[in-house]
Amino acid sequence: MSTVWWVVLSVLFVAVFAATVIAIRLVVREVLNDRLDMVARIYPVSSATGVAPWILQIRRLGGLMTRLSVPAGNWQDSPLRIHFFTAGLRGSNAPLIYFASKSILTFVMPLLVLGVLSLFHWTPPGHAFVAIIVVAAAFGYFLPNSVLERMIERRQRRIVEGFPDALDLITVCIEAGLGLDAAIDKVAIESAETCRALAEELHLVTLELRAGSSRERALKNLSKRAGTEDVSVLVAMLIQAERFGSSIADSLTVHSEMLRTKRQQEAEERAAKVPTKLLMPLMFCIFPSMLLVLMGPAMLNIFHALLPSLTGH
């Protein structure tokens, strides 16, 4: 067979193969498009993002409102981003909601104040009216900051409360023969039910180690995300133990005992502050009520007994 026939057969094979592939792609695409159109008619969503149109409108509006309060420069490198991580807000929509709420509340709070003033039919003087509006706008602008700080404090308290138990589990795992990385992974799984915040942080450490990050860097990131003194001290201790080759199990045992002693001292301190905190409510709320209940009938009897002599009847 000559070379020309080989060339013709090769071209024919390539043409038939290409036509078959194109036909299959077209048929499969038509079937897929039909199924997508059927789903879109039942659940109307945007074909570009897979999100409902009204959600896209809210996101677009939130993005416009976010621009009014987002700080200048690259805010992702600012401490505010660390605050989001410390509060457990790692979603991509958290900054959008935060900055949009600051912008929206700045305008909504003065409107609410105006509504309350109009409801009671009270119009303050000019300077007082301007001051009230400015204070309401400032309150609305800084309200998300207070909410974020409250979330951070609550999450840090949960981490501190569950930290000694997690250290005991890590110590047991290490004494059983596991390495520190495997022990952290095991404790992250076991602590998911008791302390979810600490389990999430330990799981992130495991993911960073699996991604190829060094142990020192992963532990420092843990300390930065947690934002508590106990975690920072533990991270420094583990880094020093790894550098100098000391026993990690002994270090964890000593550190967990120190944390338990510290937690007991904090509980005793709070208990000692209770009488001082109860002094003002007792003086201004409970004691006057008790005096009114105890001396009220006696004062009424004295008043009724002295009333005839005072009036002369």
Protein backbone atom coordinates (compact mmCIF):
# COMPACT_ATOMS: atom_id res chain seq x y z
CA MET A 1 0.00 0.00 0.00
CA SER A 2 1.41 3.33 -1.05
CA THR A 3 2.06 6.28 1.21
CA VAL A 4 -0.86 8.22 -0.31
CA TRP A 5 -3.34 5.61 0.95
CA TRP A 6 -1.88 5.78 4.44
CA VAL A 7 -2.30 9.55 4.44
CA VAL A 8 -5.88 9.28 3.17
CA LEU A 9 -6.79 6.67 5.78
CA SER A 10 -5.21 8.73 8.55
CA VAL A 11 -7.09 11.88 7.52
CA LEU A 12 -10.34 9.89 7.25
CA PHE A 13 -9.81 8.37 10.71
CA VAL A 14 -9.11 11.77 12.28
CA ALA A 15 -12.17 13.30 10.57
CA VAL A 16 -14.51 10.48 11.68
CA PHE A 17 -13.10 10.58 15.23
CA ALA A 18 -13.49 14.37 15.45
CA ALA A 19 -17.04 14.23 14.09
CA THR A 20 -17.96 11.52 16.61
CA VAL A 21 -16.53 13.50 19.54
CA ILE A 22 -18.32 16.68 18.44
CA ALA A 23 -21.62 14.84 18.05
CA ILE A 24 -21.30 13.27 21.49
CA ARG A 25 -20.47 16.62 23.07
CA LEU A 26 -23.43 18.27 21.41
CA VAL A 27 -25.87 15.54 22.46
CA VAL A 28 -24.60 15.46 26.05
CA ARG A 29 -24.69 19.25 26.25
CA GLU A 30 -28.27 19.37 25.01
CA VAL A 31 -29.35 16.80 27.60
CA LEU A 32 -27.49 18.70 30.33
CA ASN A 33 -28.99 22.01 29.25
CA ASP A 34 -32.48 20.50 29.28
CA ARG A 35 -31.99 19.26 32.84
CA LEU A 36 -30.56 22.60 33.94
CA ASP A 37 -33.47 24.46 32.37
CA MET A 38 -35.91 22.19 34.18
CA VAL A 39 -34.18 22.83 37.52
CA ALA A 40 -34.05 26.56 36.82
CA ARG A 41 -37.79 26.64 36.18
CA ILE A 42 -38.44 24.95 39.54
CA TYR A 43 -35.79 26.83 41.51
CA PRO A 44 -35.03 30.14 39.79
CA VAL A 45 -31.36 30.89 40.33
CA SER A 46 -28.69 32.82 38.55
CA SER A 47 -26.90 30.67 36.00
CA ALA A 48 -23.64 32.50 36.60
CA THR A 49 -23.30 32.01 40.34
CA GLY A 50 -25.94 29.47 41.28
CA VAL A 51 -27.49 31.89 43.77
CA ALA A 52 -31.04 33.16 43.86
CA PRO A 53 -31.50 36.59 42.20
CA TRP A 54 -32.78 38.25 45.39
CA ILE A 55 -29.66 37.09 47.24
CA LEU A 56 -27.53 38.62 44.50
CA GLN A 57 -29.41 41.89 44.86
CA ILE A 58 -28.81 41.89 48.62
CA ARG A 59 -25.12 41.15 48.09
CA ARG A 60 -24.86 43.94 45.53
CA LEU A 61 -26.58 46.39 47.86
CA GLY A 62 -24.42 45.22 50.76
CA GLY A 63 -21.31 45.74 48.64
CA LEU A 64 -22.35 49.31 47.93
CA MET A 65 -23.01 49.96 51.62
CA THR A 66 -19.71 48.32 52.54
CA ARG A 67 -17.76 50.89 50.55
CA LEU A 68 -19.05 53.63 52.85
CA SER A 69 -17.35 52.22 55.96
CA VAL A 70 -14.50 50.02 54.71
CA PRO A 71 -11.15 51.46 55.89
CA ALA A 72 -8.66 52.85 53.43
CA GLY A 73 -5.82 50.64 52.30
CA ASN A 74 -5.59 46.88 52.47
CA TRP A 75 -7.79 46.16 55.50
CA GLN A 76 -7.08 42.42 55.22
CA ASP A 77 -3.63 43.04 56.68
CA SER A 78 -5.08 45.04 59.58
CA PRO A 79 -5.80 43.71 63.11
CA LEU A 80 -9.49 43.69 62.24
CA ARG A 81 -8.99 40.58 60.13
CA ILE A 82 -7.40 38.85 63.13
CA HIS A 83 -10.43 39.90 65.17
CA PHE A 84 -12.68 38.11 62.70
CA PHE A 85 -10.62 34.94 63.09
CA THR A 86 -10.63 35.28 66.87
CA ALA A 87 -14.42 35.61 66.86
CA GLY A 88 -14.72 32.49 64.69
CA LEU A 89 -15.94 34.42 61.62
CA ARG A 90 -14.01 32.87 58.75
CA GLY A 91 -16.65 33.09 56.01
CA SER A 92 -16.16 35.31 53.00
CA ASN A 93 -19.38 37.18 53.81
CA ALA A 94 -18.31 38.21 57.34
CA PRO A 95 -16.50 41.43 56.30
CA LEU A 96 -19.35 42.29 53.94
CA ILE A 97 -21.94 41.93 56.71
CA TYR A 98 -19.77 43.77 59.22
CA PHE A 99 -19.03 46.86 57.15
CA ALA A 100 -22.50 46.93 55.58
CA SER A 101 -24.11 46.83 59.03
CA LYS A 102 -21.93 49.74 60.16
CA SER A 103 -23.07 51.82 57.19
CA ILE A 104 -26.72 50.83 57.47
CA LEU A 105 -26.96 51.34 61.24
CA THR A 106 -25.36 54.77 60.89
CA PHE A 107 -28.46 55.88 58.98
CA VAL A 108 -31.04 53.62 60.61
CA MET A 109 -30.41 54.62 64.24
CA PRO A 110 -31.10 58.36 63.65
CA LEU A 111 -34.27 57.40 61.79
CA LEU A 112 -35.36 55.27 64.76
CA VAL A 113 -34.66 58.17 67.12
CA LEU A 114 -36.71 60.49 64.92
CA GLY A 115 -39.52 57.95 64.91
CA VAL A 116 -39.49 57.72 68.72
CA LEU A 117 -39.44 61.53 69.07
CA SER A 118 -42.35 61.91 66.68
CA LEU A 119 -44.23 59.14 68.50
CA PHE A 120 -44.04 61.06 71.79
CA HIS A 121 -44.62 64.41 70.02
CA TRP A 122 -41.48 65.92 71.49
CA THR A 123 -39.18 68.18 69.51
CA PRO A 124 -35.94 69.13 71.28
CA PRO A 125 -34.20 72.46 70.66
CA GLY A 126 -31.92 72.89 67.66
CA HIS A 127 -28.54 72.10 69.24
CA ALA A 128 -29.97 69.29 71.34
CA PHE A 129 -31.67 67.81 68.28
CA VAL A 130 -28.41 67.82 66.29
CA ALA A 131 -26.55 66.29 69.26
CA ILE A 132 -29.13 63.50 69.60
CA ILE A 133 -28.89 62.66 65.89
CA VAL A 134 -25.08 62.64 65.98
CA VAL A 135 -25.02 60.43 69.08
CA ALA A 136 -27.53 58.02 67.49
CA ALA A 137 -25.45 57.81 64.29
CA ALA A 138 -22.26 57.21 66.29
CA PHE A 139 -24.02 54.54 68.33
CA GLY A 140 -25.15 52.77 65.15
CA TYR A 141 -21.67 53.01 63.64
CA PHE A 142 -19.87 51.54 66.67
CA LEU A 143 -22.55 48.96 67.56
CA PRO A 144 -21.02 46.23 65.29
CA ASN A 145 -17.69 46.81 67.06
CA SER A 146 -19.30 46.03 70.40
CA VAL A 147 -21.00 42.94 69.00
CA LEU A 148 -17.69 41.71 67.55
CA GLU A 149 -15.88 42.31 70.85
CA ARG A 150 -18.63 40.41 72.68
CA MET A 151 -18.27 37.46 70.30
CA ILE A 152 -14.50 37.49 70.79
CA GLU A 153 -14.81 37.50 74.59
CA ARG A 154 -17.34 34.66 74.56
CA ARG A 155 -15.23 32.49 72.26
CA GLN A 156 -12.03 33.16 74.20
CA ARG A 157 -13.77 32.22 77.45
CA ARG A 158 -14.86 28.92 75.91
CA ILE A 159 -11.32 28.21 74.74
CA VAL A 160 -9.86 29.01 78.16
CA GLU A 161 -12.41 26.81 79.92
CA GLY A 162 -11.74 23.79 77.70
CA PHE A 163 -7.98 24.27 77.41
CA PRO A 164 -6.78 22.30 80.49
CA ASP A 165 -8.82 19.24 79.52
CA ALA A 166 -7.43 19.40 75.98
CA LEU A 167 -3.89 19.57 77.36
CA ASP A 168 -4.56 16.48 79.46
CA LEU A 169 -5.79 14.63 76.39
CA ILE A 170 -2.72 15.70 74.41
CA THR A 171 -0.50 14.52 77.27
CA VAL A 172 -2.24 11.14 77.38
CA CYS A 173 -1.89 10.73 73.61
CA ILE A 174 1.81 11.62 73.69
CA GLU A 175 2.49 9.24 76.58
CA ALA A 176 0.64 6.53 74.63
CA GLY A 177 3.17 6.85 71.81
CA LEU A 178 1.63 9.38 69.42
CA GLY A 179 3.54 12.31 68.06
CA LEU A 180 2.53 15.88 68.82
CA ASP A 181 0.90 16.37 65.39
CA ALA A 182 -1.13 13.18 65.67
CA ALA A 183 -2.06 14.02 69.26
CA ILE A 184 -3.37 17.44 68.24
CA ASP A 185 -5.40 15.84 65.45
CA LYS A 186 -6.85 13.26 67.84
CA VAL A 187 -7.75 15.87 70.48
CA ALA A 188 -9.36 18.06 67.83
CA ILE A 189 -11.68 15.17 66.96
CA GLU A 190 -12.42 14.24 70.57
CA SER A 191 -13.03 17.86 71.69
CA ALA A 192 -15.64 18.59 69.02
CA GLU A 193 -18.52 17.83 71.40
CA THR A 194 -17.19 19.48 74.56
CA CYS A 195 -15.44 22.60 73.24
CA ARG A 196 -16.17 23.27 69.60
CA ALA A 197 -14.17 26.51 69.43
CA LEU A 198 -10.96 24.85 70.64
CA ALA A 199 -11.59 21.85 68.38
CA GLU A 200 -11.83 24.16 65.36
CA GLU A 201 -8.55 25.87 66.22
CA LEU A 202 -6.73 22.57 66.71
CA HIS A 203 -8.20 21.26 63.47
CA LEU A 204 -6.84 24.31 61.65
CA VAL A 205 -3.42 23.56 63.11
CA THR A 206 -3.69 20.02 61.73
CA LEU A 207 -4.67 21.32 58.30
CA GLU A 208 -1.73 23.71 58.23
CA LEU A 209 0.65 20.90 59.15
CA ARG A 210 -0.80 18.69 56.42
CA ALA A 211 -0.42 21.53 53.92
CA GLY A 212 3.32 21.59 54.56
CA SER A 213 3.60 24.39 57.09
CA SER A 214 6.17 24.08 59.84
CA ARG A 215 5.03 23.22 63.35
CA GLU A 216 6.37 26.49 64.74
CA ARG A 217 4.46 28.55 62.21
CA ALA A 218 1.24 26.58 62.72
CA LEU A 219 1.47 27.00 66.50
CA LYS A 220 2.13 30.73 66.17
CA ASN A 221 -0.91 31.05 63.93
CA LEU A 222 -2.90 29.22 66.62
CA SER A 223 -1.75 31.73 69.20
CA LYS A 224 -2.63 34.63 66.92
CA ARG A 225 -6.12 33.29 66.16
CA ALA A 226 -6.97 32.38 69.76
CA GLY A 227 -5.78 35.68 71.22
CA THR A 228 -5.56 34.35 74.78
CA GLU A 229 -2.61 34.41 77.14
CA ASP A 230 -2.91 30.72 78.01
CA VAL A 231 -2.58 29.63 74.39
CA SER A 232 0.31 32.03 73.80
CA VAL A 233 2.20 30.62 76.79
CA LEU A 234 1.57 27.06 75.62
CA VAL A 235 2.78 27.83 72.10
CA ALA A 236 5.96 29.43 73.43
CA MET A 237 6.53 26.43 75.70
CA LEU A 238 6.04 23.91 72.88
CA ILE A 239 8.37 25.82 70.56
CA GLN A 240 11.07 25.96 73.25
CA ALA A 241 10.60 22.27 74.07
CA GLU A 242 10.99 21.36 70.40
CA ARG A 243 14.11 23.50 70.02
CA PHE A 244 15.90 22.21 73.12
CA GLY A 245 14.63 18.62 72.95
CA SER A 246 12.94 18.54 76.36
CA SER A 247 10.01 16.30 77.22
CA ILE A 248 6.78 17.64 75.77
CA ALA A 249 4.61 15.43 78.00
CA ASP A 250 6.19 16.76 81.20
CA SER A 251 5.86 20.34 79.96
CA LEU A 252 2.19 19.83 79.11
CA THR A 253 1.51 18.28 82.52
CA VAL A 254 3.08 21.22 84.35
CA HIS A 255 1.28 23.72 82.13
CA SER A 256 -2.13 22.07 82.59
CA GLU A 257 -1.69 22.09 86.38
CA MET A 258 -0.74 25.76 86.20
CA LEU A 259 -3.85 26.53 84.15
CA ARG A 260 -6.09 24.70 86.62
CA THR A 261 -4.53 26.63 89.52
CA LYS A 262 -5.02 29.86 87.64
CA ARG A 263 -8.65 29.04 86.89
CA GLN A 264 -9.27 28.18 90.55
CA GLN A 265 -7.72 31.47 91.64
CA GLU A 266 -9.89 33.38 89.18
CA ALA A 267 -12.99 31.64 90.55
CA GLU A 268 -11.98 32.54 94.11
CA GLU A 269 -11.35 36.12 93.03
CA ARG A 270 -14.81 36.37 91.47
CA ALA A 271 -16.37 34.89 94.59
CA ALA A 272 -14.55 37.45 96.76
CA LYS A 273 -15.91 40.29 94.60
CA VAL A 274 -19.53 39.21 95.05
CA PRO A 275 -20.16 41.02 98.40
CA THR A 276 -18.75 44.26 97.00
CA LYS A 277 -20.88 44.03 93.89
CA LEU A 278 -23.99 43.29 95.97
CA LEU A 279 -23.47 46.33 98.22
CA MET A 280 -25.02 48.93 95.91
CA PRO A 281 -28.12 46.87 94.97
CA LEU A 282 -28.66 46.07 98.66
CA MET A 283 -28.42 49.71 99.72
CA PHE A 284 -30.57 51.24 96.99
CA CYS A 285 -33.00 48.44 96.09
CA ILE A 286 -33.41 45.76 98.75
CA PHE A 287 -32.96 47.70 102.01
CA PRO A 288 -35.49 50.45 101.13
CA SER A 289 -38.06 47.80 100.21
CA MET A 290 -37.44 45.92 103.46
CA LEU A 291 -37.74 49.12 105.50
CA LEU A 292 -40.96 50.01 103.73
CA VAL A 293 -42.45 46.58 104.41
CA LEU A 294 -41.28 46.43 108.04
CA MET A 295 -41.85 50.03 109.13
CA GLY A 296 -44.74 50.94 106.86
CA PRO A 297 -47.55 49.49 109.03
CA ALA A 298 -46.01 50.94 112.21
CA MET A 299 -45.74 54.39 110.64
CA LEU A 300 -49.36 54.20 109.51
CA ASN A 301 -50.49 53.27 113.04
CA ILE A 302 -48.49 56.13 114.53
CA PHE A 303 -49.92 58.52 111.98
CA HIS A 304 -53.50 57.45 112.69
CA ALA A 305 -52.86 57.71 116.46
CA LEU A 306 -51.40 61.22 116.24
CA LEU A 307 -53.81 62.52 113.62
CA PRO A 308 -56.65 63.49 116.11
CA SER A 309 -54.27 65.41 118.35
CA LEU A 310 -52.76 67.20 115.41
CA THR A 311 -56.09 68.21 113.89
CA GLY A 312 -57.73 68.99 117.24
CA HIS A 313 -60.67 66.62 116.72
